[in-house]
Amino acid sequence: MDKLIYTAMTGASQAFEQQATTAQNLANANTNGFRAQIDSFQAIPVTGVAPLKTRTQVSNATVGTSFLMGPLMQTGRDLDVALQGPGWIAVRAEDGSEAYTRNGSFEVSPTGILVTQAGQQVVGDGGPITIPPDSKLIVGKDGTISTLVPGLVPATSNALGRIKLVNPPEENMVRGDDGLFRLKQGGVAQLDPNLHLVGGALEGSNVNLVDSMVRMVNLARSYETQITMIKTAQDNASKASQIMNLNA
């Protein structure tokens, strides 16, 4: 019964936490470039001064991320880009650190800087990318941002900067509280010249709605089962006490 209480109690707690993760995935099913979070259960012994092998508890195993590519959606917008295959777009986070995202929906700030829809500066090969006012922009496959010079025949483009594209190993990437990814060991990833962008397109979320809904239902049933087990253990303990009192 002792083992039952520990297992059921921690199982209910972890099922509740995984429901929160699944709910977050569902909430970001329409977020461009979102990477679904993955949780899994793990049974571990209860530690202490004198751990007993009969006591185990349920815990989350290493929380991971699904790096599967989301669907590409054509938008036709000049400042919408999507990565072909693996890779990341470098941006400047609010704390000043370099972070990485798959959301390629950009805009020009009031000060003429290329930023994400969330306001983070897009990192260029030479720093922030400055956009002249009233410019017709072209995004090259290699991430080069160019503007067409008006009044010239034939049309001439002027390179403004190149978006920094990186491709560190997926196992070295960790999600931050702001939703951006960073290197586990810290530091800055190196530019990868072999990555390519698709202009006028965005990558959708890789969250599978059907799988997430099924998982939400299964976790709810698991939570109810654990609570029922705790109630059963309580009833068994109560009946055992009654029997002991009769024998006394």
C-alpha atoms as a PDB file:
ATOM      1  CA  MET A   1       0.000   0.000   0.000  1.00  0.00           C
ATOM      2  CA  ASP A   2       2.920   2.289   0.755  1.00  0.00           C
ATOM      3  CA  LYS A   3       4.193   1.873  -2.816  1.00  0.00           C
ATOM      4  CA  LEU A   4       0.685   2.382  -4.177  1.00  0.00           C
ATOM      5  CA  ILE A   5       0.303   5.763  -2.450  1.00  0.00           C
ATOM      6  CA  TYR A   6       3.637   7.129  -3.696  1.00  0.00           C
ATOM      7  CA  THR A   7       3.089   5.902  -7.257  1.00  0.00           C
ATOM      8  CA  ALA A   8      -0.503   7.125  -7.511  1.00  0.00           C
ATOM      9  CA  MET A   9       0.207  10.492  -5.900  1.00  0.00           C
ATOM     10  CA  THR A  10       3.176  11.322  -8.122  1.00  0.00           C
ATOM     11  CA  GLY A  11       1.450   9.828 -11.169  1.00  0.00           C
ATOM     12  CA  ALA A  12      -1.496  12.179 -10.719  1.00  0.00           C
ATOM     13  CA  SER A  13       0.839  15.145 -10.263  1.00  0.00           C
ATOM     14  CA  GLN A  14       2.844  14.390 -13.404  1.00  0.00           C
ATOM     15  CA  ALA A  15      -0.273  13.687 -15.468  1.00  0.00           C
ATOM     16  CA  PHE A  16      -1.562  17.117 -14.454  1.00  0.00           C
ATOM     17  CA  GLU A  17       1.731  18.749 -15.519  1.00  0.00           C
ATOM     18  CA  GLN A  18       1.725  16.936 -18.859  1.00  0.00           C
ATOM     19  CA  GLN A  19      -1.809  18.146 -19.471  1.00  0.00           C
ATOM     20  CA  ALA A  20      -0.462  21.698 -19.153  1.00  0.00           C
ATOM     21  CA  THR A  21       2.242  20.934 -21.737  1.00  0.00           C
ATOM     22  CA  THR A  22      -0.300  19.423 -24.132  1.00  0.00           C
ATOM     23  CA  ALA A  23      -2.586  22.419 -23.637  1.00  0.00           C
ATOM     24  CA  GLN A  24       0.297  24.734 -24.498  1.00  0.00           C
ATOM     25  CA  ASN A  25       0.938  22.770 -27.694  1.00  0.00           C
ATOM     26  CA  LEU A  26      -2.720  23.059 -28.651  1.00  0.00           C
ATOM     27  CA  ALA A  27      -2.692  26.793 -27.905  1.00  0.00           C
ATOM     28  CA  ASN A  28       0.229  27.198 -30.338  1.00  0.00           C
ATOM     29  CA  ALA A  29      -1.208  25.058 -33.133  1.00  0.00           C
ATOM     30  CA  ASN A  30      -1.483  28.220 -35.271  1.00  0.00           C
ATOM     31  CA  THR A  31       1.801  29.825 -34.170  1.00  0.00           C
ATOM     32  CA  ASN A  32       4.234  30.121 -37.078  1.00  0.00           C
ATOM     33  CA  GLY A  33       7.348  27.973 -36.671  1.00  0.00           C
ATOM     34  CA  PHE A  34       6.274  26.558 -33.294  1.00  0.00           C
ATOM     35  CA  ARG A  35       7.965  23.338 -32.164  1.00  0.00           C
ATOM     36  CA  ALA A  36       5.801  20.976 -30.103  1.00  0.00           C
ATOM     37  CA  GLN A  37       6.986  20.006 -26.629  1.00  0.00           C
ATOM     38  CA  ILE A  38       7.279  16.334 -25.674  1.00  0.00           C
ATOM     39  CA  ASP A  39       6.868  14.818 -22.185  1.00  0.00           C
ATOM     40  CA  SER A  40       7.198  11.228 -21.015  1.00  0.00           C
ATOM     41  CA  PHE A  41       6.726   9.373 -17.732  1.00  0.00           C
ATOM     42  CA  GLN A  42       9.572   7.763 -15.822  1.00  0.00           C
ATOM     43  CA  ALA A  43       9.508   5.593 -12.675  1.00  0.00           C
ATOM     44  CA  ILE A  44      12.273   6.426 -10.197  1.00  0.00           C
ATOM     45  CA  PRO A  45      12.949   5.267  -6.599  1.00  0.00           C
ATOM     46  CA  VAL A  46      12.097   7.574  -3.717  1.00  0.00           C
ATOM     47  CA  THR A  47      15.378   8.892  -2.319  1.00  0.00           C
ATOM     48  CA  GLY A  48      16.099   9.712   1.295  1.00  0.00           C
ATOM     49  CA  VAL A  49      18.364   8.888   4.207  1.00  0.00           C
ATOM     50  CA  ALA A  50      17.505   5.203   3.937  1.00  0.00           C
ATOM     51  CA  PRO A  51      15.736   4.652   0.598  1.00  0.00           C
ATOM     52  CA  LEU A  52      13.520   1.610   0.392  1.00  0.00           C
ATOM     53  CA  LYS A  53      13.284  -0.315  -2.863  1.00  0.00           C
ATOM     54  CA  THR A  54       9.536  -0.731  -2.384  1.00  0.00           C
ATOM     55  CA  ARG A  55       8.930   3.006  -2.774  1.00  0.00           C
ATOM     56  CA  THR A  56       8.832   4.435  -6.284  1.00  0.00           C
ATOM     57  CA  GLN A  57       7.454   7.622  -7.708  1.00  0.00           C
ATOM     58  CA  VAL A  58       6.511   8.876 -11.152  1.00  0.00           C
ATOM     59  CA  SER A  59       8.461  11.745 -12.687  1.00  0.00           C
ATOM     60  CA  ASN A  60       8.809  13.479 -16.017  1.00  0.00           C
ATOM     61  CA  ALA A  61      11.657  12.106 -18.076  1.00  0.00           C
ATOM     62  CA  THR A  62      13.725  14.591 -20.058  1.00  0.00           C
ATOM     63  CA  VAL A  63      11.308  17.066 -21.622  1.00  0.00           C
ATOM     64  CA  GLY A  64      12.094  17.231 -25.319  1.00  0.00           C
ATOM     65  CA  THR A  65      11.038  19.047 -28.455  1.00  0.00           C
ATOM     66  CA  SER A  66       9.737  17.785 -31.756  1.00  0.00           C
ATOM     67  CA  PHE A  67      11.929  19.232 -34.499  1.00  0.00           C
ATOM     68  CA  LEU A  68       9.766  17.937 -37.354  1.00  0.00           C
ATOM     69  CA  MET A  69       9.173  20.578 -39.994  1.00  0.00           C
ATOM     70  CA  GLY A  70       5.769  22.240 -40.102  1.00  0.00           C
ATOM     71  CA  PRO A  71       3.786  22.832 -43.291  1.00  0.00           C
ATOM     72  CA  LEU A  72       4.814  25.657 -45.639  1.00  0.00           C
ATOM     73  CA  MET A  73       2.118  28.232 -46.317  1.00  0.00           C
ATOM     74  CA  GLN A  74       2.379  30.679 -49.210  1.00  0.00           C
ATOM     75  CA  THR A  75       1.550  34.240 -48.174  1.00  0.00           C
ATOM     76  CA  GLY A  76       2.998  36.325 -51.026  1.00  0.00           C
ATOM     77  CA  ARG A  77       4.232  38.897 -48.501  1.00  0.00           C
ATOM     78  CA  ASP A  78       7.708  40.337 -49.153  1.00  0.00           C
ATOM     79  CA  LEU A  79       8.832  40.057 -45.534  1.00  0.00           C
ATOM     80  CA  ASP A  80       7.615  36.506 -44.945  1.00  0.00           C
ATOM     81  CA  VAL A  81      10.303  33.822 -45.236  1.00  0.00           C
ATOM     82  CA  ALA A  82      10.546  30.139 -44.345  1.00  0.00           C
ATOM     83  CA  LEU A  83      13.523  27.841 -44.039  1.00  0.00           C
ATOM     84  CA  GLN A  84      13.818  24.921 -46.425  1.00  0.00           C
ATOM     85  CA  GLY A  85      14.646  21.961 -44.219  1.00  0.00           C
ATOM     86  CA  PRO A  86      16.534  22.282 -40.923  1.00  0.00           C
ATOM     87  CA  GLY A  87      18.059  25.453 -39.550  1.00  0.00           C
ATOM     88  CA  TRP A  88      17.209  28.560 -37.540  1.00  0.00           C
ATOM     89  CA  ILE A  89      16.908  32.316 -37.983  1.00  0.00           C
ATOM     90  CA  ALA A  90      19.035  34.327 -35.549  1.00  0.00           C
ATOM     91  CA  VAL A  91      17.329  37.129 -33.613  1.00  0.00           C
ATOM     92  CA  ARG A  92      18.259  39.408 -30.726  1.00  0.00           C
ATOM     93  CA  ALA A  93      16.263  38.539 -27.589  1.00  0.00           C
ATOM     94  CA  GLU A  94      15.070  41.111 -25.065  1.00  0.00           C
ATOM     95  CA  ASP A  95      18.003  40.331 -22.756  1.00  0.00           C
ATOM     96  CA  GLY A  96      20.440  41.093 -25.587  1.00  0.00           C
ATOM     97  CA  SER A  97      21.449  37.485 -26.177  1.00  0.00           C
ATOM     98  CA  GLU A  98      21.337  35.822 -29.570  1.00  0.00           C
ATOM     99  CA  ALA A  99      18.441  33.394 -29.879  1.00  0.00           C
ATOM    100  CA  TYR A 100      16.909  31.353 -32.679  1.00  0.00           C
ATOM    101  CA  THR A 101      13.464  30.952 -34.185  1.00  0.00           C
ATOM    102  CA  ARG A 102      11.698  29.328 -37.128  1.00  0.00           C
ATOM    103  CA  ASN A 103       9.105  32.104 -37.390  1.00  0.00           C
ATOM    104  CA  GLY A 104      10.085  34.144 -40.440  1.00  0.00           C
ATOM    105  CA  SER A 105       7.318  36.762 -40.313  1.00  0.00           C
ATOM    106  CA  PHE A 106       9.194  40.074 -40.273  1.00  0.00           C
ATOM    107  CA  GLU A 107       8.339  43.756 -40.309  1.00  0.00           C
ATOM    108  CA  VAL A 108      10.179  47.077 -40.288  1.00  0.00           C
ATOM    109  CA  SER A 109      10.259  48.918 -36.964  1.00  0.00           C
ATOM    110  CA  PRO A 110       9.536  52.678 -36.726  1.00  0.00           C
ATOM    111  CA  THR A 111      13.314  53.205 -36.587  1.00  0.00           C
ATOM    112  CA  GLY A 112      13.837  51.294 -39.841  1.00  0.00           C
ATOM    113  CA  ILE A 113      15.222  48.057 -38.316  1.00  0.00           C
ATOM    114  CA  LEU A 114      14.157  44.623 -39.549  1.00  0.00           C
ATOM    115  CA  VAL A 115      12.414  42.892 -36.633  1.00  0.00           C
ATOM    116  CA  THR A 116      10.127  39.949 -35.946  1.00  0.00           C
ATOM    117  CA  GLN A 117       6.425  40.392 -35.270  1.00  0.00           C
ATOM    118  CA  ALA A 118       7.317  40.168 -31.559  1.00  0.00           C
ATOM    119  CA  GLY A 119       9.757  43.065 -31.908  1.00  0.00           C
ATOM    120  CA  GLN A 120      13.074  41.151 -31.743  1.00  0.00           C
ATOM    121  CA  GLN A 121      15.812  42.421 -34.048  1.00  0.00           C
ATOM    122  CA  VAL A 122      16.748  40.088 -36.873  1.00  0.00           C
ATOM    123  CA  VAL A 123      20.493  39.431 -36.695  1.00  0.00           C
ATOM    124  CA  GLY A 124      22.394  40.203 -39.898  1.00  0.00           C
ATOM    125  CA  ASP A 125      25.917  39.266 -40.916  1.00  0.00           C
ATOM    126  CA  GLY A 126      27.044  42.740 -39.833  1.00  0.00           C
ATOM    127  CA  GLY A 127      24.560  43.485 -37.063  1.00  0.00           C
ATOM    128  CA  PRO A 128      20.992  44.803 -37.334  1.00  0.00           C
ATOM    129  CA  ILE A 129      19.573  45.155 -40.838  1.00  0.00           C
ATOM    130  CA  THR A 130      18.453  48.710 -41.604  1.00  0.00           C
ATOM    131  CA  ILE A 131      15.674  49.183 -44.154  1.00  0.00           C
ATOM    132  CA  PRO A 132      15.330  52.518 -46.036  1.00  0.00           C
ATOM    133  CA  PRO A 133      11.813  54.003 -46.001  1.00  0.00           C
ATOM    134  CA  ASP A 134       9.404  53.143 -48.825  1.00  0.00           C
ATOM    135  CA  SER A 135      11.651  50.364 -50.117  1.00  0.00           C
ATOM    136  CA  LYS A 136      10.651  47.466 -52.316  1.00  0.00           C
ATOM    137  CA  LEU A 137      12.382  44.542 -50.638  1.00  0.00           C
ATOM    138  CA  ILE A 138      13.642  41.280 -52.065  1.00  0.00           C
ATOM    139  CA  VAL A 139      14.733  38.343 -49.892  1.00  0.00           C
ATOM    140  CA  GLY A 140      17.221  36.024 -51.585  1.00  0.00           C
ATOM    141  CA  LYS A 141      17.470  32.289 -51.023  1.00  0.00           C
ATOM    142  CA  ASP A 142      20.666  32.798 -49.038  1.00  0.00           C
ATOM    143  CA  GLY A 143      18.981  35.310 -46.719  1.00  0.00           C
ATOM    144  CA  THR A 144      20.263  38.462 -48.437  1.00  0.00           C
ATOM    145  CA  ILE A 145      17.872  41.425 -48.057  1.00  0.00           C
ATOM    146  CA  SER A 146      17.979  43.728 -51.076  1.00  0.00           C
ATOM    147  CA  THR A 147      16.047  46.795 -52.146  1.00  0.00           C
ATOM    148  CA  LEU A 148      15.215  47.793 -55.692  1.00  0.00           C
ATOM    149  CA  VAL A 149      16.616  51.155 -56.721  1.00  0.00           C
ATOM    150  CA  PRO A 150      13.689  53.099 -58.289  1.00  0.00           C
ATOM    151  CA  GLY A 151      14.003  54.844 -61.630  1.00  0.00           C
ATOM    152  CA  LEU A 152      16.736  52.643 -63.097  1.00  0.00           C
ATOM    153  CA  VAL A 153      16.302  50.529 -66.226  1.00  0.00           C
ATOM    154  CA  PRO A 154      17.090  47.701 -66.000  1.00  0.00           C
ATOM    155  CA  ALA A 155      16.106  47.409 -62.353  1.00  0.00           C
ATOM    156  CA  THR A 156      19.064  47.384 -59.984  1.00  0.00           C
ATOM    157  CA  SER A 157      19.109  45.929 -56.471  1.00  0.00           C
ATOM    158  CA  ASN A 158      21.105  47.153 -53.518  1.00  0.00           C
ATOM    159  CA  ALA A 159      22.052  44.614 -50.814  1.00  0.00           C
ATOM    160  CA  LEU A 160      21.190  45.808 -47.304  1.00  0.00           C
ATOM    161  CA  GLY A 161      22.392  42.817 -45.318  1.00  0.00           C
ATOM    162  CA  ARG A 162      22.100  39.090 -44.946  1.00  0.00           C
ATOM    163  CA  ILE A 163      19.960  37.296 -42.384  1.00  0.00           C
ATOM    164  CA  LYS A 164      22.058  35.066 -40.154  1.00  0.00           C
ATOM    165  CA  LEU A 165      20.996  31.448 -40.667  1.00  0.00           C
ATOM    166  CA  VAL A 166      22.418  28.765 -38.384  1.00  0.00           C
ATOM    167  CA  ASN A 167      22.089  24.995 -38.110  1.00  0.00           C
ATOM    168  CA  PRO A 168      23.485  23.692 -34.794  1.00  0.00           C
ATOM    169  CA  PRO A 169      22.737  20.060 -33.815  1.00  0.00           C
ATOM    170  CA  GLU A 170      19.150  19.699 -32.608  1.00  0.00           C
ATOM    171  CA  GLU A 171      20.266  18.004 -29.393  1.00  0.00           C
ATOM    172  CA  ASN A 172      22.166  21.193 -28.489  1.00  0.00           C
ATOM    173  CA  MET A 173      19.055  23.386 -28.682  1.00  0.00           C
ATOM    174  CA  VAL A 174      16.941  24.292 -25.657  1.00  0.00           C
ATOM    175  CA  ARG A 175      13.721  26.303 -25.515  1.00  0.00           C
ATOM    176  CA  GLY A 176      13.652  29.414 -23.344  1.00  0.00           C
ATOM    177  CA  ASP A 177      10.744  30.870 -21.381  1.00  0.00           C
ATOM    178  CA  ASP A 178      10.275  33.424 -24.187  1.00  0.00           C
ATOM    179  CA  GLY A 179       9.679  30.634 -26.733  1.00  0.00           C
ATOM    180  CA  LEU A 180      13.014  31.215 -28.485  1.00  0.00           C
ATOM    181  CA  PHE A 181      15.707  28.554 -28.709  1.00  0.00           C
ATOM    182  CA  ARG A 182      19.301  28.871 -27.553  1.00  0.00           C
ATOM    183  CA  LEU A 183      22.391  26.683 -27.319  1.00  0.00           C
ATOM    184  CA  LYS A 184      22.442  24.515 -24.195  1.00  0.00           C
ATOM    185  CA  GLN A 185      26.058  25.369 -23.473  1.00  0.00           C
ATOM    186  CA  GLY A 186      25.500  29.053 -24.217  1.00  0.00           C
ATOM    187  CA  GLY A 187      27.386  31.041 -26.796  1.00  0.00           C
ATOM    188  CA  VAL A 188      26.535  31.833 -30.386  1.00  0.00           C
ATOM    189  CA  ALA A 189      25.966  29.442 -33.295  1.00  0.00           C
ATOM    190  CA  GLN A 190      28.008  29.876 -36.447  1.00  0.00           C
ATOM    191  CA  LEU A 191      26.462  31.035 -39.714  1.00  0.00           C
ATOM    192  CA  ASP A 192      25.695  28.185 -42.118  1.00  0.00           C
ATOM    193  CA  PRO A 193      25.988  29.293 -45.780  1.00  0.00           C
ATOM    194  CA  ASN A 194      24.266  26.129 -47.018  1.00  0.00           C
ATOM    195  CA  LEU A 195      20.819  27.019 -45.658  1.00  0.00           C
ATOM    196  CA  HIS A 196      18.135  28.428 -47.947  1.00  0.00           C
ATOM    197  CA  LEU A 197      14.994  30.504 -47.484  1.00  0.00           C
ATOM    198  CA  VAL A 198      11.693  30.477 -49.330  1.00  0.00           C
ATOM    199  CA  GLY A 199      10.349  33.992 -49.888  1.00  0.00           C
ATOM    200  CA  GLY A 200       6.679  34.855 -49.544  1.00  0.00           C
ATOM    201  CA  ALA A 201       6.001  31.853 -47.321  1.00  0.00           C
ATOM    202  CA  LEU A 202       5.786  30.905 -43.647  1.00  0.00           C
ATOM    203  CA  GLU A 203       6.265  27.641 -41.813  1.00  0.00           C
ATOM    204  CA  GLY A 204       3.316  26.585 -39.726  1.00  0.00           C
ATOM    205  CA  SER A 205       3.330  24.886 -36.339  1.00  0.00           C
ATOM    206  CA  ASN A 206       4.326  21.213 -36.258  1.00  0.00           C
ATOM    207  CA  VAL A 207       1.710  20.426 -33.594  1.00  0.00           C
ATOM    208  CA  ASN A 208      -0.506  17.499 -34.607  1.00  0.00           C
ATOM    209  CA  LEU A 209      -3.977  18.515 -33.456  1.00  0.00           C
ATOM    210  CA  VAL A 210      -5.455  15.013 -33.538  1.00  0.00           C
ATOM    211  CA  ASP A 211      -2.579  13.452 -31.587  1.00  0.00           C
ATOM    212  CA  SER A 212      -2.642  16.286 -29.051  1.00  0.00           C
ATOM    213  CA  MET A 213      -6.385  15.957 -28.475  1.00  0.00           C
ATOM    214  CA  VAL A 214      -6.086  12.179 -28.031  1.00  0.00           C
ATOM    215  CA  ARG A 215      -3.198  12.705 -25.617  1.00  0.00           C
ATOM    216  CA  MET A 216      -5.232  15.214 -23.625  1.00  0.00           C
ATOM    217  CA  VAL A 217      -8.054  12.672 -23.218  1.00  0.00           C
ATOM    218  CA  ASN A 218      -5.623   9.896 -22.228  1.00  0.00           C
ATOM    219  CA  LEU A 219      -3.942  12.122 -19.645  1.00  0.00           C
ATOM    220  CA  ALA A 220      -7.312  13.052 -18.154  1.00  0.00           C
ATOM    221  CA  ARG A 221      -8.200   9.372 -17.815  1.00  0.00           C
ATOM    222  CA  SER A 222      -4.788   8.640 -16.323  1.00  0.00           C
ATOM    223  CA  TYR A 223      -5.273  11.406 -13.756  1.00  0.00           C
ATOM    224  CA  GLU A 224      -8.688  10.030 -12.785  1.00  0.00           C
ATOM    225  CA  THR A 225      -7.207   6.537 -12.449  1.00  0.00           C
ATOM    226  CA  GLN A 226      -4.456   7.763 -10.117  1.00  0.00           C
ATOM    227  CA  ILE A 227      -6.981   9.605  -7.935  1.00  0.00           C
ATOM    228  CA  THR A 228      -9.106   6.450  -7.761  1.00  0.00           C
ATOM    229  CA  MET A 229      -6.043   4.468  -6.653  1.00  0.00           C
ATOM    230  CA  ILE A 230      -5.369   6.974  -3.853  1.00  0.00           C
ATOM    231  CA  LYS A 231      -8.979   6.664  -2.683  1.00  0.00           C
ATOM    232  CA  THR A 232      -8.680   2.863  -2.807  1.00  0.00           C
ATOM    233  CA  ALA A 233      -5.509   2.981  -0.697  1.00  0.00           C
ATOM    234  CA  GLN A 234      -7.310   5.219   1.792  1.00  0.00           C
ATOM    235  CA  ASP A 235     -10.249   2.815   2.003  1.00  0.00           C
ATOM    236  CA  ASN A 236      -7.906  -0.154   2.463  1.00  0.00           C
ATOM    237  CA  ALA A 237      -6.062   1.636   5.261  1.00  0.00           C
ATOM    238  CA  SER A 238      -9.356   2.516   6.971  1.00  0.00           C
ATOM    239  CA  LYS A 239     -10.606  -1.078   6.792  1.00  0.00           C
ATOM    240  CA  ALA A 240      -7.272  -2.400   8.055  1.00  0.00           C
ATOM    241  CA  SER A 241      -7.504  -0.073  11.054  1.00  0.00           C
ATOM    242  CA  GLN A 242     -10.998  -1.340  11.825  1.00  0.00           C
ATOM    243  CA  ILE A 243      -9.803  -4.946  11.746  1.00  0.00           C
ATOM    244  CA  MET A 244      -6.874  -4.110  14.025  1.00  0.00           C
ATOM    245  CA  ASN A 245      -9.253  -2.445  16.518  1.00  0.00           C
ATOM    246  CA  LEU A 246     -11.483  -5.538  16.536  1.00  0.00           C
ATOM    247  CA  ASN A 247      -8.496  -7.784  17.291  1.00  0.00           C
ATOM    248  CA  ALA A 248      -7.485  -5.479  20.105  1.00  0.00           C
END
